[in-house]
Amino acid sequence: MSKTQLNVVSKSSVSKVAILALAIIFAAGLFVVGFDQGHIFSIVSGEPAFTDVYIHELTHDMRHAAGFPCH
């Protein structure tokens, strides 16, 4: 009788590049939701973006739910 042995090698580790990419996306999202006061749109529209604060208004309730004070 012969035995057949099956060796299964599982490599389920996540690459460091993927972890770095997700960390950058997380940091950018945290900035947009928690701290943006017109900085994102000021690149395109200049000074009026700081008074209009569109992203602030879009993420207003999410800011409060996450514990960020905004006014």
C-alpha atoms as a PDB file:
ATOM      1  CA  MET A   1       0.000   0.000   0.000  1.00  0.00           C
ATOM      2  CA  SER A   2       1.357   3.391  -0.879  1.00  0.00           C
ATOM      3  CA  LYS A   3       0.372   6.610   0.786  1.00  0.00           C
ATOM      4  CA  THR A   4       0.042   9.880  -1.103  1.00  0.00           C
ATOM      5  CA  GLN A   5       0.677  12.914   1.006  1.00  0.00           C
ATOM      6  CA  LEU A   6      -0.662  16.263  -0.132  1.00  0.00           C
ATOM      7  CA  ASN A   7       1.152  19.340   1.117  1.00  0.00           C
ATOM      8  CA  VAL A   8      -0.855  22.529   0.852  1.00  0.00           C
ATOM      9  CA  VAL A   9       1.015  25.772   1.332  1.00  0.00           C
ATOM     10  CA  SER A  10      -1.214  28.738   1.933  1.00  0.00           C
ATOM     11  CA  LYS A  11       0.170  32.205   1.549  1.00  0.00           C
ATOM     12  CA  SER A  12      -2.498  34.539   2.767  1.00  0.00           C
ATOM     13  CA  SER A  13      -0.361  37.422   3.873  1.00  0.00           C
ATOM     14  CA  VAL A  14      -1.312  40.893   2.700  1.00  0.00           C
ATOM     15  CA  SER A  15       1.381  42.806   0.876  1.00  0.00           C
ATOM     16  CA  LYS A  16       2.924  45.864   2.471  1.00  0.00           C
ATOM     17  CA  VAL A  17       2.017  47.938  -0.571  1.00  0.00           C
ATOM     18  CA  ALA A  18      -1.684  47.145  -0.082  1.00  0.00           C
ATOM     19  CA  ILE A  19      -1.500  48.062   3.597  1.00  0.00           C
ATOM     20  CA  LEU A  20       0.243  51.340   2.742  1.00  0.00           C
ATOM     21  CA  ALA A  21      -2.356  52.150   0.070  1.00  0.00           C
ATOM     22  CA  LEU A  22      -5.222  51.515   2.489  1.00  0.00           C
ATOM     23  CA  ALA A  23      -3.527  53.636   5.172  1.00  0.00           C
ATOM     24  CA  ILE A  24      -3.222  56.538   2.728  1.00  0.00           C
ATOM     25  CA  ILE A  25      -6.869  56.206   1.687  1.00  0.00           C
ATOM     26  CA  PHE A  26      -7.911  56.083   5.357  1.00  0.00           C
ATOM     27  CA  ALA A  27      -5.855  59.186   6.207  1.00  0.00           C
ATOM     28  CA  ALA A  28      -7.281  61.116   3.257  1.00  0.00           C
ATOM     29  CA  GLY A  29     -10.833  60.120   4.212  1.00  0.00           C
ATOM     30  CA  LEU A  30     -10.251  61.096   7.818  1.00  0.00           C
ATOM     31  CA  PHE A  31      -9.006  64.505   6.700  1.00  0.00           C
ATOM     32  CA  VAL A  32     -11.985  65.067   4.411  1.00  0.00           C
ATOM     33  CA  VAL A  33     -14.576  64.027   6.991  1.00  0.00           C
ATOM     34  CA  GLY A  34     -12.977  65.472  10.093  1.00  0.00           C
ATOM     35  CA  PHE A  35     -10.890  68.469   9.220  1.00  0.00           C
ATOM     36  CA  ASP A  36     -11.678  69.881   5.773  1.00  0.00           C
ATOM     37  CA  GLN A  37     -12.881  73.482   5.887  1.00  0.00           C
ATOM     38  CA  GLY A  38     -12.649  74.235   2.182  1.00  0.00           C
ATOM     39  CA  HIS A  39      -9.099  73.050   1.610  1.00  0.00           C
ATOM     40  CA  ILE A  40      -9.989  70.468  -1.046  1.00  0.00           C
ATOM     41  CA  PHE A  41     -12.016  72.825  -3.253  1.00  0.00           C
ATOM     42  CA  SER A  42      -9.650  75.754  -2.698  1.00  0.00           C
ATOM     43  CA  ILE A  43      -7.256  74.056  -5.112  1.00  0.00           C
ATOM     44  CA  VAL A  44      -9.805  74.628  -7.877  1.00  0.00           C
ATOM     45  CA  SER A  45     -11.885  77.650  -6.856  1.00  0.00           C
ATOM     46  CA  GLY A  46      -9.504  79.565  -4.603  1.00  0.00           C
ATOM     47  CA  GLU A  47     -10.551  81.744  -1.663  1.00  0.00           C
ATOM     48  CA  PRO A  48     -14.374  81.375  -2.008  1.00  0.00           C
ATOM     49  CA  ALA A  49     -14.058  77.690  -1.103  1.00  0.00           C
ATOM     50  CA  PHE A  50     -13.249  78.639   2.497  1.00  0.00           C
ATOM     51  CA  THR A  51     -16.586  80.446   2.879  1.00  0.00           C
ATOM     52  CA  ASP A  52     -18.706  77.932   0.924  1.00  0.00           C
ATOM     53  CA  VAL A  53     -17.332  74.781   2.657  1.00  0.00           C
ATOM     54  CA  TYR A  54     -19.246  72.306   0.464  1.00  0.00           C
ATOM     55  CA  ILE A  55     -17.555  69.176   1.797  1.00  0.00           C
ATOM     56  CA  HIS A  56     -18.160  70.354   5.363  1.00  0.00           C
ATOM     57  CA  GLU A  57     -21.866  70.652   4.633  1.00  0.00           C
ATOM     58  CA  LEU A  58     -21.981  67.250   2.915  1.00  0.00           C
ATOM     59  CA  THR A  59     -20.247  65.486   5.810  1.00  0.00           C
ATOM     60  CA  HIS A  60     -21.720  67.575   8.629  1.00  0.00           C
ATOM     61  CA  ASP A  61     -23.804  64.874  10.325  1.00  0.00           C
ATOM     62  CA  MET A  62     -21.057  62.286   9.879  1.00  0.00           C
ATOM     63  CA  ARG A  63     -18.652  64.653  11.657  1.00  0.00           C
ATOM     64  CA  HIS A  64     -20.889  64.864  14.682  1.00  0.00           C
ATOM     65  CA  ALA A  65     -21.512  61.120  14.690  1.00  0.00           C
ATOM     66  CA  ALA A  66     -17.740  60.521  14.636  1.00  0.00           C
ATOM     67  CA  GLY A  67     -17.174  62.982  17.470  1.00  0.00           C
ATOM     68  CA  PHE A  68     -15.573  65.845  15.540  1.00  0.00           C
ATOM     69  CA  PRO A  69     -16.690  69.262  16.736  1.00  0.00           C
ATOM     70  CA  CYS A  70     -17.219  71.612  13.824  1.00  0.00           C
ATOM     71  CA  HIS A  71     -18.930  74.726  15.217  1.00  0.00           C
END
